[in-house]
Every structure is written in C-alpha cells, then in structure tokens.
Amino acid sequence: MIKRGSLFIEVLISILIFLVGILILMAVMTLSLKIINNSKDTIRADQNLINIIDNYMLMRVFTNSGTPSGPFVEKVISSQEIDIQGFVLRYSLYRYQRSGKTSVYFDVLQREE
C-alpha cells in the first residue's frame, strides 16, 4: 500500500531534477555567448592588424617610401644582403604582431637602398 504523500514527494523530486537541468542549460548558453563575444573581439583585432599592413603596402606602392612603424611593428632582421647571381639585394624584415597574441603575426620584407 502506498503511503500518503509519496506521490507529492515524487513530483517535487522530478520538478527539482527538471529545474537543475534548466539551470545547467542556461549556464551553458551564457558560456557560449561569452565565447562568441570573445571571438568577435579577436577577429576585429586581427582585422585591424591586417588593415594596418594593407595601408603600409599601399603607401609603399604609391609613394615608394616609408618604413613600417607603430605599436604593432618590430624590426626582426636589419639590413641583410642576399646575392642572386651577382645582383645584391638588401632587405630588412619587419614583423607585425598584436600584443598578447604571439601565434598570429605577419612578416614584411622591405627592400633597402
């Protein structure tokens, strides 16, 4: 024989399990929104770095002068020479890199006079 109130306790336990599941689902959704927002910021920062490099390259094409400069630029190799069948090419290597993100960088070779 079922005791009085046992059905009520079963309903309360099932509601409690359902609420725990809903809370876990809400936490996972909140975490996924944070991850999406962080990836948006990362993509914007990387695109800004690419825009800086593109602007430098356009300046070099139109004016044939200029040196990479700014907070994202580091001179890696200074005035190296390479001999290509008697033609000596002097160049410097500049690295564009966002601070705090060492895995993403762009190298630019600049011909020196």
PDB file of N, CA and C in Angstrom:
ATOM      1  N   MET A   1       0.838  -1.176   0.000  1.00  0.00           N
ATOM      2  CA  MET A   1       0.000   0.000   0.000  1.00  0.00           C
ATOM      3  C   MET A   1       0.884   1.240   0.000  1.00  0.00           C
ATOM      4  N   ILE A   2       0.527   2.213  -0.833  1.00  0.00           N
ATOM      5  CA  ILE A   2       1.296   3.450  -0.927  1.00  0.00           C
ATOM      6  C   ILE A   2       0.898   4.356   0.222  1.00  0.00           C
ATOM      7  N   LYS A   3       1.943   4.925   0.844  1.00  0.00           N
ATOM      8  CA  LYS A   3       1.679   5.831   1.964  1.00  0.00           C
ATOM      9  C   LYS A   3       1.243   7.186   1.428  1.00  0.00           C
ATOM     10  N   ARG A   4       0.525   7.894   2.256  1.00  0.00           N
ATOM     11  CA  ARG A   4       0.040   9.214   1.866  1.00  0.00           C
ATOM     12  C   ARG A   4       1.217  10.162   1.694  1.00  0.00           C
ATOM     13  N   GLY A   5       1.230  10.959   0.605  1.00  0.00           N
ATOM     14  CA  GLY A   5       2.256  11.969   0.371  1.00  0.00           C
ATOM     15  C   GLY A   5       3.415  11.490  -0.478  1.00  0.00           C
ATOM     16  N   SER A   6       3.500  10.204  -0.769  1.00  0.00           N
ATOM     17  CA  SER A   6       4.627   9.715  -1.561  1.00  0.00           C
ATOM     18  C   SER A   6       4.538  10.235  -3.000  1.00  0.00           C
ATOM     19  N   LEU A   7       3.374  10.390  -3.567  1.00  0.00           N
ATOM     20  CA  LEU A   7       3.226  10.935  -4.908  1.00  0.00           C
ATOM     21  C   LEU A   7       3.673  12.395  -4.940  1.00  0.00           C
ATOM     22  N   PHE A   8       3.360  13.124  -3.882  1.00  0.00           N
ATOM     23  CA  PHE A   8       3.762  14.526  -3.789  1.00  0.00           C
ATOM     24  C   PHE A   8       5.285  14.652  -3.753  1.00  0.00           C
ATOM     25  N   ILE A   9       5.958  13.787  -3.021  1.00  0.00           N
ATOM     26  CA  ILE A   9       7.421  13.811  -2.933  1.00  0.00           C
ATOM     27  C   ILE A   9       8.029  13.442  -4.282  1.00  0.00           C
ATOM     28  N   GLU A  10       7.454  12.476  -4.984  1.00  0.00           N
ATOM     29  CA  GLU A  10       7.951  12.114  -6.316  1.00  0.00           C
ATOM     30  C   GLU A  10       7.828  13.285  -7.285  1.00  0.00           C
ATOM     31  N   VAL A  11       6.735  14.006  -7.230  1.00  0.00           N
ATOM     32  CA  VAL A  11       6.536  15.177  -8.096  1.00  0.00           C
ATOM     33  C   VAL A  11       7.553  16.252  -7.753  1.00  0.00           C
ATOM     34  N   LEU A  12       7.805  16.496  -6.473  1.00  0.00           N
ATOM     35  CA  LEU A  12       8.793  17.507  -6.054  1.00  0.00           C
ATOM     36  C   LEU A  12      10.198  17.130  -6.532  1.00  0.00           C
ATOM     37  N   ILE A  13      10.558  15.861  -6.448  1.00  0.00           N
ATOM     38  CA  ILE A  13      11.881  15.416  -6.901  1.00  0.00           C
ATOM     39  C   ILE A  13      12.002  15.575  -8.411  1.00  0.00           C
ATOM     40  N   SER A  14      10.946  15.227  -9.147  1.00  0.00           N
ATOM     41  CA  SER A  14      11.013  15.379 -10.607  1.00  0.00           C
ATOM     42  C   SER A  14      11.086  16.858 -10.997  1.00  0.00           C
ATOM     43  N   ILE A  15      10.393  17.735 -10.305  1.00  0.00           N
ATOM     44  CA  ILE A  15      10.486  19.177 -10.570  1.00  0.00           C
ATOM     45  C   ILE A  15      11.892  19.681 -10.257  1.00  0.00           C
ATOM     46  N   LEU A  16      12.481  19.216  -9.179  1.00  0.00           N
ATOM     47  CA  LEU A  16      13.831  19.606  -8.803  1.00  0.00           C
ATOM     48  C   LEU A  16      14.841  19.163  -9.864  1.00  0.00           C
ATOM     49  N   ILE A  17      14.719  17.941 -10.362  1.00  0.00           N
ATOM     50  CA  ILE A  17      15.617  17.453 -11.416  1.00  0.00           C
ATOM     51  C   ILE A  17      15.433  18.286 -12.692  1.00  0.00           C
ATOM     52  N   PHE A  18      14.196  18.616 -13.029  1.00  0.00           N
ATOM     53  CA  PHE A  18      13.927  19.442 -14.207  1.00  0.00           C
ATOM     54  C   PHE A  18      14.542  20.831 -14.055  1.00  0.00           C
ATOM     55  N   LEU A  19      14.426  21.440 -12.884  1.00  0.00           N
ATOM     56  CA  LEU A  19      14.989  22.771 -12.650  1.00  0.00           C
ATOM     57  C   LEU A  19      16.518  22.759 -12.710  1.00  0.00           C
ATOM     58  N   VAL A  20      17.140  21.716 -12.194  1.00  0.00           N
ATOM     59  CA  VAL A  20      18.604  21.605 -12.276  1.00  0.00           C
ATOM     60  C   VAL A  20      19.030  21.517 -13.747  1.00  0.00           C
ATOM     61  N   GLY A  21      18.299  20.755 -14.539  1.00  0.00           N
ATOM     62  CA  GLY A  21      18.601  20.660 -15.966  1.00  0.00           C
ATOM     63  C   GLY A  21      18.456  21.997 -16.668  1.00  0.00           C
ATOM     64  N   ILE A  22      17.404  22.744 -16.343  1.00  0.00           N
ATOM     65  CA  ILE A  22      17.197  24.063 -16.949  1.00  0.00           C
ATOM     66  C   ILE A  22      18.323  25.014 -16.540  1.00  0.00           C
ATOM     67  N   LEU A  23      18.745  24.984 -15.278  1.00  0.00           N
ATOM     68  CA  LEU A  23      19.840  25.853 -14.824  1.00  0.00           C
ATOM     69  C   LEU A  23      21.153  25.511 -15.523  1.00  0.00           C
ATOM     70  N   ILE A  24      21.427  24.251 -15.706  1.00  0.00           N
ATOM     71  CA  ILE A  24      22.650  23.840 -16.422  1.00  0.00           C
ATOM     72  C   ILE A  24      22.583  24.317 -17.875  1.00  0.00           C
ATOM     73  N   LEU A  25      21.424  24.185 -18.508  1.00  0.00           N
ATOM     74  CA  LEU A  25      21.257  24.654 -19.876  1.00  0.00           C
ATOM     75  C   LEU A  25      21.472  26.160 -19.974  1.00  0.00           C
ATOM     76  N   MET A  26      20.969  26.923 -19.018  1.00  0.00           N
ATOM     77  CA  MET A  26      21.167  28.374 -19.018  1.00  0.00           C
ATOM     78  C   MET A  26      22.641  28.727 -18.826  1.00  0.00           C
ATOM     79  N   ALA A  27      23.342  27.994 -17.981  1.00  0.00           N
ATOM     80  CA  ALA A  27      24.767  28.256 -17.768  1.00  0.00           C
ATOM     81  C   ALA A  27      25.570  27.972 -19.034  1.00  0.00           C
ATOM     82  N   VAL A  28      25.246  26.888 -19.726  1.00  0.00           N
ATOM     83  CA  VAL A  28      25.949  26.556 -20.970  1.00  0.00           C
ATOM     84  C   VAL A  28      25.683  27.614 -22.035  1.00  0.00           C
ATOM     85  N   MET A  29      24.461  28.103 -22.126  1.00  0.00           N
ATOM     86  CA  MET A  29      24.138  29.139 -23.102  1.00  0.00           C
ATOM     87  C   MET A  29      24.868  30.440 -22.788  1.00  0.00           C
ATOM     88  N   THR A  30      24.969  30.798 -21.522  1.00  0.00           N
ATOM     89  CA  THR A  30      25.698  32.004 -21.130  1.00  0.00           C
ATOM     90  C   THR A  30      27.174  31.874 -21.476  1.00  0.00           C
ATOM     91  N   LEU A  31      27.756  30.730 -21.214  1.00  0.00           N
ATOM     92  CA  LEU A  31      29.153  30.494 -21.549  1.00  0.00           C
ATOM     93  C   LEU A  31      29.387  30.574 -23.050  1.00  0.00           C
ATOM     94  N   SER A  32      28.480  30.002 -23.830  1.00  0.00           N
ATOM     95  CA  SER A  32      28.643  30.055 -25.290  1.00  0.00           C
ATOM     96  C   SER A  32      28.527  31.488 -25.802  1.00  0.00           C
ATOM     97  N   LEU A  33      27.672  32.311 -25.214  1.00  0.00           N
ATOM     98  CA  LEU A  33      27.582  33.714 -25.618  1.00  0.00           C
ATOM     99  C   LEU A  33      28.870  34.474 -25.298  1.00  0.00           C
ATOM    100  N   LYS A  34      29.500  34.174 -24.169  1.00  0.00           N
ATOM    101  CA  LYS A  34      30.777  34.801 -23.825  1.00  0.00           C
ATOM    102  C   LYS A  34      31.859  34.398 -24.822  1.00  0.00           C
ATOM    103  N   ILE A  35      31.893  33.139 -25.190  1.00  0.00           N
ATOM    104  CA  ILE A  35      32.889  32.658 -26.157  1.00  0.00           C
ATOM    105  C   ILE A  35      32.682  33.332 -27.516  1.00  0.00           C
ATOM    106  N   ILE A  36      31.448  33.460 -27.948  1.00  0.00           N
ATOM    107  CA  ILE A  36      31.155  34.118 -29.221  1.00  0.00           C
ATOM    108  C   ILE A  36      31.584  35.577 -29.176  1.00  0.00           C
ATOM    109  N   ASN A  37      31.319  36.258 -28.074  1.00  0.00           N
ATOM    110  CA  ASN A  37      31.699  37.662 -27.937  1.00  0.00           C
ATOM    111  C   ASN A  37      33.220  37.822 -27.951  1.00  0.00           C
ATOM    112  N   ASN A  38      33.944  36.920 -27.283  1.00  0.00           N
ATOM    113  CA  ASN A  38      35.408  36.983 -27.290  1.00  0.00           C
ATOM    114  C   ASN A  38      35.966  36.732 -28.683  1.00  0.00           C
ATOM    115  N   SER A  39      35.370  35.813 -29.422  1.00  0.00           N
ATOM    116  CA  SER A  39      35.860  35.539 -30.776  1.00  0.00           C
ATOM    117  C   SER A  39      35.606  36.738 -31.690  1.00  0.00           C
ATOM    118  N   LYS A  40      34.513  37.447 -31.466  1.00  0.00           N
ATOM    119  CA  LYS A  40      34.234  38.657 -32.245  1.00  0.00           C
ATOM    120  C   LYS A  40      35.319  39.707 -31.998  1.00  0.00           C
ATOM    121  N   ASP A  41      35.697  39.901 -30.743  1.00  0.00           N
ATOM    122  CA  ASP A  41      36.746  40.872 -30.425  1.00  0.00           C
ATOM    123  C   ASP A  41      38.084  40.460 -31.020  1.00  0.00           C
ATOM    124  N   THR A  42      38.391  39.174 -30.992  1.00  0.00           N
ATOM    125  CA  THR A  42      39.649  38.688 -31.561  1.00  0.00           C
ATOM    126  C   THR A  42      39.683  38.900 -33.068  1.00  0.00           C
ATOM    127  N   ILE A  43      38.600  38.610 -33.736  1.00  0.00           N
ATOM    128  CA  ILE A  43      38.543  38.796 -35.187  1.00  0.00           C
ATOM    129  C   ILE A  43      38.693  40.267 -35.543  1.00  0.00           C
ATOM    130  N   ARG A  44      38.063  41.148 -34.786  1.00  0.00           N
ATOM    131  CA  ARG A  44      38.202  42.593 -35.048  1.00  0.00           C
ATOM    132  C   ARG A  44      39.645  43.052 -34.862  1.00  0.00           C
ATOM    133  N   ALA A  45      40.306  42.596 -33.798  1.00  0.00           N
ATOM    134  CA  ALA A  45      41.692  42.996 -33.560  1.00  0.00           C
ATOM    135  C   ALA A  45      42.608  42.474 -34.654  1.00  0.00           C
ATOM    136  N   ASP A  46      42.420  41.235 -35.082  1.00  0.00           N
ATOM    137  CA  ASP A  46      43.226  40.684 -36.170  1.00  0.00           C
ATOM    138  C   ASP A  46      42.973  41.435 -37.475  1.00  0.00           C
ATOM    139  N   GLN A  47      41.734  41.789 -37.739  1.00  0.00           N
ATOM    140  CA  GLN A  47      41.425  42.527 -38.959  1.00  0.00           C
ATOM    141  C   GLN A  47      42.028  43.929 -38.921  1.00  0.00           C
ATOM    142  N   ASN A  48      42.059  44.559 -37.760  1.00  0.00           N
ATOM    143  CA  ASN A  48      42.707  45.871 -37.642  1.00  0.00           C
ATOM    144  C   ASN A  48      44.194  45.766 -37.963  1.00  0.00           C
ATOM    145  N   LEU A  49      44.846  44.707 -37.507  1.00  0.00           N
ATOM    146  CA  LEU A  49      46.259  44.494 -37.814  1.00  0.00           C
ATOM    147  C   LEU A  49      46.456  44.307 -39.318  1.00  0.00           C
ATOM    148  N   ILE A  50      45.596  43.549 -39.954  1.00  0.00           N
ATOM    149  CA  ILE A  50      45.683  43.352 -41.402  1.00  0.00           C
ATOM    150  C   ILE A  50      45.470  44.680 -42.126  1.00  0.00           C
ATOM    151  N   ASN A  51      44.553  45.515 -41.641  1.00  0.00           N
ATOM    152  CA  ASN A  51      44.330  46.816 -42.259  1.00  0.00           C
ATOM    153  C   ASN A  51      45.564  47.709 -42.147  1.00  0.00           C
ATOM    154  N   ILE A  52      46.267  47.656 -41.036  1.00  0.00           N
ATOM    155  CA  ILE A  52      47.491  48.439 -40.869  1.00  0.00           C
ATOM    156  C   ILE A  52      48.535  48.000 -41.890  1.00  0.00           C
ATOM    157  N   ILE A  53      48.678  46.698 -42.066  1.00  0.00           N
ATOM    158  CA  ILE A  53      49.641  46.176 -43.046  1.00  0.00           C
ATOM    159  C   ILE A  53      49.226  46.585 -44.462  1.00  0.00           C
ATOM    160  N   ASP A  54      47.949  46.480 -44.773  1.00  0.00           N
ATOM    161  CA  ASP A  54      47.479  46.871 -46.104  1.00  0.00           C
ATOM    162  C   ASP A  54      47.739  48.346 -46.370  1.00  0.00           C
ATOM    163  N   ASN A  55      47.510  49.199 -45.381  1.00  0.00           N
ATOM    164  CA  ASN A  55      47.769  50.626 -45.548  1.00  0.00           C
ATOM    165  C   ASN A  55      49.246  50.889 -45.799  1.00  0.00           C
ATOM    166  N   TYR A  56      50.122  50.185 -45.090  1.00  0.00           N
ATOM    167  CA  TYR A  56      51.562  50.340 -45.312  1.00  0.00           C
ATOM    168  C   TYR A  56      51.922  49.911 -46.734  1.00  0.00           C
ATOM    169  N   MET A  57      51.386  48.775 -47.177  1.00  0.00           N
ATOM    170  CA  MET A  57      51.702  48.280 -48.517  1.00  0.00           C
ATOM    171  C   MET A  57      51.205  49.260 -49.590  1.00  0.00           C
ATOM    172  N   LEU A  58      50.022  49.817 -49.412  1.00  0.00           N
ATOM    173  CA  LEU A  58      49.522  50.796 -50.376  1.00  0.00           C
ATOM    174  C   LEU A  58      50.405  52.043 -50.386  1.00  0.00           C
ATOM    175  N   MET A  59      50.856  52.490 -49.217  1.00  0.00           N
ATOM    176  CA  MET A  59      51.735  53.643 -49.153  1.00  0.00           C
ATOM    177  C   MET A  59      53.029  53.357 -49.917  1.00  0.00           C
ATOM    178  N   ARG A  60      53.562  52.140 -49.755  1.00  0.00           N
ATOM    179  CA  ARG A  60      54.798  51.774 -50.471  1.00  0.00           C
ATOM    180  C   ARG A  60      54.571  51.752 -51.980  1.00  0.00           C
ATOM    181  N   VAL A  61      53.407  51.281 -52.408  1.00  0.00           N
ATOM    182  CA  VAL A  61      53.120  51.220 -53.837  1.00  0.00           C
ATOM    183  C   VAL A  61      52.996  52.621 -54.429  1.00  0.00           C
ATOM    184  N   PHE A  62      52.289  53.507 -53.748  1.00  0.00           N
ATOM    185  CA  PHE A  62      52.015  54.831 -54.312  1.00  0.00           C
ATOM    186  C   PHE A  62      53.168  55.810 -54.140  1.00  0.00           C
ATOM    187  N   THR A  63      53.904  55.748 -53.026  1.00  0.00           N
ATOM    188  CA  THR A  63      54.951  56.741 -52.780  1.00  0.00           C
ATOM    189  C   THR A  63      56.352  56.170 -52.877  1.00  0.00           C
ATOM    190  N   ASN A  64      56.494  54.837 -52.850  1.00  0.00           N
ATOM    191  CA  ASN A  64      57.793  54.171 -52.887  1.00  0.00           C
ATOM    192  C   ASN A  64      58.709  54.658 -51.767  1.00  0.00           C
ATOM    193  N   SER A  65      58.136  54.965 -50.651  1.00  0.00           N
ATOM    194  CA  SER A  65      58.922  55.374 -49.490  1.00  0.00           C
ATOM    195  C   SER A  65      58.187  54.963 -48.231  1.00  0.00           C
ATOM    196  N   GLY A  66      58.844  55.112 -47.128  1.00  0.00           N
ATOM    197  CA  GLY A  66      58.226  54.793 -45.848  1.00  0.00           C
ATOM    198  C   GLY A  66      58.826  53.563 -45.215  1.00  0.00           C
ATOM    199  N   THR A  67      58.737  53.521 -43.927  1.00  0.00           N
ATOM    200  CA  THR A  67      59.226  52.401 -43.149  1.00  0.00           C
ATOM    201  C   THR A  67      58.108  51.969 -42.209  1.00  0.00           C
ATOM    202  N   PRO A  68      57.935  50.685 -42.015  1.00  0.00           N
ATOM    203  CA  PRO A  68      56.894  50.244 -41.079  1.00  0.00           C
ATOM    204  C   PRO A  68      57.133  50.831 -39.689  1.00  0.00           C
ATOM    205  N   SER A  69      56.084  51.348 -39.106  1.00  0.00           N
ATOM    206  CA  SER A  69      56.204  51.921 -37.766  1.00  0.00           C
ATOM    207  C   SER A  69      54.874  51.766 -37.048  1.00  0.00           C
ATOM    208  N   GLY A  70      54.927  51.900 -35.763  1.00  0.00           N
ATOM    209  CA  GLY A  70      53.718  51.815 -34.960  1.00  0.00           C
ATOM    210  C   GLY A  70      53.885  50.825 -33.828  1.00  0.00           C
ATOM    211  N   PRO A  71      52.859  50.705 -33.008  1.00  0.00           N
ATOM    212  CA  PRO A  71      52.960  49.831 -31.830  1.00  0.00           C
ATOM    213  C   PRO A  71      52.949  48.339 -32.164  1.00  0.00           C
ATOM    214  N   PHE A  72      52.544  47.984 -33.372  1.00  0.00           N
ATOM    215  CA  PHE A  72      52.454  46.577 -33.736  1.00  0.00           C
ATOM    216  C   PHE A  72      53.671  46.067 -34.493  1.00  0.00           C
ATOM    217  N   VAL A  73      54.651  46.940 -34.742  1.00  0.00           N
ATOM    218  CA  VAL A  73      55.768  46.591 -35.623  1.00  0.00           C
ATOM    219  C   VAL A  73      57.037  46.366 -34.819  1.00  0.00           C
ATOM    220  N   GLU A  74      57.752  45.326 -35.194  1.00  0.00           N
ATOM    221  CA  GLU A  74      59.055  45.018 -34.598  1.00  0.00           C
ATOM    222  C   GLU A  74      60.016  44.700 -35.745  1.00  0.00           C
ATOM    223  N   LYS A  75      61.211  45.298 -35.705  1.00  0.00           N
ATOM    224  CA  LYS A  75      62.211  45.023 -36.734  1.00  0.00           C
ATOM    225  C   LYS A  75      62.936  43.752 -36.332  1.00  0.00           C
ATOM    226  N   VAL A  76      62.799  42.695 -37.134  1.00  0.00           N
ATOM    227  CA  VAL A  76      63.355  41.390 -36.809  1.00  0.00           C
ATOM    228  C   VAL A  76      64.763  41.248 -37.370  1.00  0.00           C
ATOM    229  N   ILE A  77      64.931  41.588 -38.651  1.00  0.00           N
ATOM    230  CA  ILE A  77      66.238  41.494 -39.306  1.00  0.00           C
ATOM    231  C   ILE A  77      66.553  42.861 -39.887  1.00  0.00           C
ATOM    232  N   SER A  78      67.743  43.345 -39.624  1.00  0.00           N
ATOM    233  CA  SER A  78      68.125  44.670 -40.087  1.00  0.00           C
ATOM    234  C   SER A  78      69.200  44.568 -41.168  1.00  0.00           C
ATOM    235  N   SER A  79      68.910  45.104 -42.338  1.00  0.00           N
ATOM    236  CA  SER A  79      69.844  45.260 -43.455  1.00  0.00           C
ATOM    237  C   SER A  79      70.653  44.006 -43.756  1.00  0.00           C
ATOM    238  N   GLN A  80      69.991  42.963 -44.138  1.00  0.00           N
ATOM    239  CA  GLN A  80      70.652  41.754 -44.615  1.00  0.00           C
ATOM    240  C   GLN A  80      70.856  41.863 -46.120  1.00  0.00           C
ATOM    241  N   GLU A  81      71.812  41.108 -46.623  1.00  0.00           N
ATOM    242  CA  GLU A  81      72.061  41.090 -48.063  1.00  0.00           C
ATOM    243  C   GLU A  81      71.954  39.665 -48.578  1.00  0.00           C
ATOM    244  N   ILE A  82      71.422  39.558 -49.789  1.00  0.00           N
ATOM    245  CA  ILE A  82      71.368  38.270 -50.464  1.00  0.00           C
ATOM    246  C   ILE A  82      71.885  38.488 -51.890  1.00  0.00           C
ATOM    247  N   ASP A  83      72.724  37.575 -52.348  1.00  0.00           N
ATOM    248  CA  ASP A  83      73.310  37.669 -53.687  1.00  0.00           C
ATOM    249  C   ASP A  83      72.565  36.714 -54.609  1.00  0.00           C
ATOM    250  N   ILE A  84      71.913  37.276 -55.624  1.00  0.00           N
ATOM    251  CA  ILE A  84      71.164  36.478 -56.587  1.00  0.00           C
ATOM    252  C   ILE A  84      71.869  36.613 -57.936  1.00  0.00           C
ATOM    253  N   GLN A  85      72.761  35.709 -58.226  1.00  0.00           N
ATOM    254  CA  GLN A  85      73.518  35.678 -59.481  1.00  0.00           C
ATOM    255  C   GLN A  85      74.147  37.037 -59.785  1.00  0.00           C
ATOM    256  N   GLY A  86      74.838  37.583 -58.811  1.00  0.00           N
ATOM    257  CA  GLY A  86      75.533  38.854 -58.986  1.00  0.00           C
ATOM    258  C   GLY A  86      74.719  40.080 -58.638  1.00  0.00           C
ATOM    259  N   PHE A  87      73.424  39.933 -58.470  1.00  0.00           N
ATOM    260  CA  PHE A  87      72.571  41.052 -58.067  1.00  0.00           C
ATOM    261  C   PHE A  87      72.420  41.006 -56.552  1.00  0.00           C
ATOM    262  N   VAL A  88      72.889  42.043 -55.884  1.00  0.00           N
ATOM    263  CA  VAL A  88      72.845  42.089 -54.419  1.00  0.00           C
ATOM    264  C   VAL A  88      71.563  42.810 -53.991  1.00  0.00           C
ATOM    265  N   LEU A  89      70.783  42.120 -53.198  1.00  0.00           N
ATOM    266  CA  LEU A  89      69.527  42.671 -52.704  1.00  0.00           C
ATOM    267  C   LEU A  89      69.640  42.873 -51.200  1.00  0.00           C
ATOM    268  N   ARG A  90      69.491  44.120 -50.765  1.00  0.00           N
ATOM    269  CA  ARG A  90      69.494  44.426 -49.321  1.00  0.00           C
ATOM    270  C   ARG A  90      68.049  44.536 -48.849  1.00  0.00           C
ATOM    271  N   TYR A  91      67.777  43.944 -47.710  1.00  0.00           N
ATOM    272  CA  TYR A  91      66.408  43.969 -47.193  1.00  0.00           C
ATOM    273  C   TYR A  91      66.419  43.980 -45.669  1.00  0.00           C
ATOM    274  N   SER A  92      65.281  44.363 -45.120  1.00  0.00           N
ATOM    275  CA  SER A  92      65.018  44.270 -43.683  1.00  0.00           C
ATOM    276  C   SER A  92      63.699  43.536 -43.506  1.00  0.00           C
ATOM    277  N   LEU A  93      63.587  42.829 -42.404  1.00  0.00           N
ATOM    278  CA  LEU A  93      62.377  42.073 -42.109  1.00  0.00           C
ATOM    279  C   LEU A  93      61.661  42.717 -40.929  1.00  0.00           C
ATOM    280  N   TYR A  94      60.395  43.053 -41.134  1.00  0.00           N
ATOM    281  CA  TYR A  94      59.566  43.639 -40.082  1.00  0.00           C
ATOM    282  C   TYR A  94      58.442  42.670 -39.754  1.00  0.00           C
ATOM    283  N   ARG A  95      58.111  42.584 -38.482  1.00  0.00           N
ATOM    284  CA  ARG A  95      57.037  41.691 -38.037  1.00  0.00           C
ATOM    285  C   ARG A  95      55.916  42.519 -37.416  1.00  0.00           C
ATOM    286  N   TYR A  96      54.722  42.328 -37.966  1.00  0.00           N
ATOM    287  CA  TYR A  96      53.511  42.929 -37.407  1.00  0.00           C
ATOM    288  C   TYR A  96      52.869  41.884 -36.510  1.00  0.00           C
ATOM    289  N   GLN A  97      52.657  42.263 -35.238  1.00  0.00           N
ATOM    290  CA  GLN A  97      52.101  41.294 -34.287  1.00  0.00           C
ATOM    291  C   GLN A  97      51.294  42.029 -33.233  1.00  0.00           C
ATOM    292  N   ARG A  98      50.143  41.442 -32.909  1.00  0.00           N
ATOM    293  CA  ARG A  98      49.328  42.003 -31.830  1.00  0.00           C
ATOM    294  C   ARG A  98      49.927  41.639 -30.493  1.00  0.00           C
ATOM    295  N   SER A  99      49.886  42.575 -29.558  1.00  0.00           N
ATOM    296  CA  SER A  99      50.409  42.268 -28.227  1.00  0.00           C
ATOM    297  C   SER A  99      49.503  41.253 -27.543  1.00  0.00           C
ATOM    298  N   GLY A 100      50.122  40.307 -26.881  1.00  0.00           N
ATOM    299  CA  GLY A 100      49.370  39.288 -26.172  1.00  0.00           C
ATOM    300  C   GLY A 100      48.980  38.092 -27.024  1.00  0.00           C
ATOM    301  N   LYS A 101      49.249  38.152 -28.314  1.00  0.00           N
ATOM    302  CA  LYS A 101      48.894  37.030 -29.185  1.00  0.00           C
ATOM    303  C   LYS A 101      50.098  36.714 -30.053  1.00  0.00           C
ATOM    304  N   THR A 102      50.924  35.812 -29.589  1.00  0.00           N
ATOM    305  CA  THR A 102      52.178  35.518 -30.277  1.00  0.00           C
ATOM    306  C   THR A 102      52.001  34.553 -31.441  1.00  0.00           C
ATOM    307  N   SER A 103      50.874  33.909 -31.551  1.00  0.00           N
ATOM    308  CA  SER A 103      50.689  32.915 -32.607  1.00  0.00           C
ATOM    309  C   SER A 103      50.285  33.547 -33.939  1.00  0.00           C
ATOM    310  N   VAL A 104      49.810  34.792 -33.926  1.00  0.00           N
ATOM    311  CA  VAL A 104      49.389  35.451 -35.156  1.00  0.00           C
ATOM    312  C   VAL A 104      50.326  36.611 -35.440  1.00  0.00           C
ATOM    313  N   TYR A 105      51.053  36.521 -36.557  1.00  0.00           N
ATOM    314  CA  TYR A 105      51.916  37.627 -36.961  1.00  0.00           C
ATOM    315  C   TYR A 105      52.066  37.616 -38.470  1.00  0.00           C
ATOM    316  N   PHE A 106      52.475  38.765 -38.987  1.00  0.00           N
ATOM    317  CA  PHE A 106      52.682  38.924 -40.426  1.00  0.00           C
ATOM    318  C   PHE A 106      54.081  39.499 -40.622  1.00  0.00           C
ATOM    319  N   ASP A 107      54.856  38.888 -41.508  1.00  0.00           N
ATOM    320  CA  ASP A 107      56.198  39.369 -41.811  1.00  0.00           C
ATOM    321  C   ASP A 107      56.172  40.145 -43.116  1.00  0.00           C
ATOM    322  N   VAL A 108      56.900  41.280 -43.117  1.00  0.00           N
ATOM    323  CA  VAL A 108      57.007  42.114 -44.309  1.00  0.00           C
ATOM    324  C   VAL A 108      58.484  42.330 -44.606  1.00  0.00           C
ATOM    325  N   LEU A 109      58.889  41.976 -45.831  1.00  0.00           N
ATOM    326  CA  LEU A 109      60.258  42.245 -46.288  1.00  0.00           C
ATOM    327  C   LEU A 109      60.250  43.613 -46.967  1.00  0.00           C
ATOM    328  N   GLN A 110      61.188  44.458 -46.542  1.00  0.00           N
ATOM    329  CA  GLN A 110      61.297  45.770 -47.177  1.00  0.00           C
ATOM    330  C   GLN A 110      62.671  45.882 -47.818  1.00  0.00           C
ATOM    331  N   ARG A 111      62.676  46.243 -49.071  1.00  0.00           N
ATOM    332  CA  ARG A 111      63.929  46.416 -49.781  1.00  0.00           C
ATOM    333  C   ARG A 111      64.601  47.701 -49.322  1.00  0.00           C
ATOM    334  N   GLU A 112      65.872  47.596 -49.004  1.00  0.00           N
ATOM    335  CA  GLU A 112      66.648  48.753 -48.560  1.00  0.00           C
ATOM    336  C   GLU A 112      67.463  49.262 -49.734  1.00  0.00           C
ATOM    337  N   GLU A 113      67.693  50.543 -49.773  1.00  0.00           N
ATOM    338  CA  GLU A 113      68.506  51.149 -50.855  1.00  0.00           C
ATOM    339  C   GLU A 113      69.970  50.929 -50.603  1.00  0.00           C
TER     340      GLU A 113
END
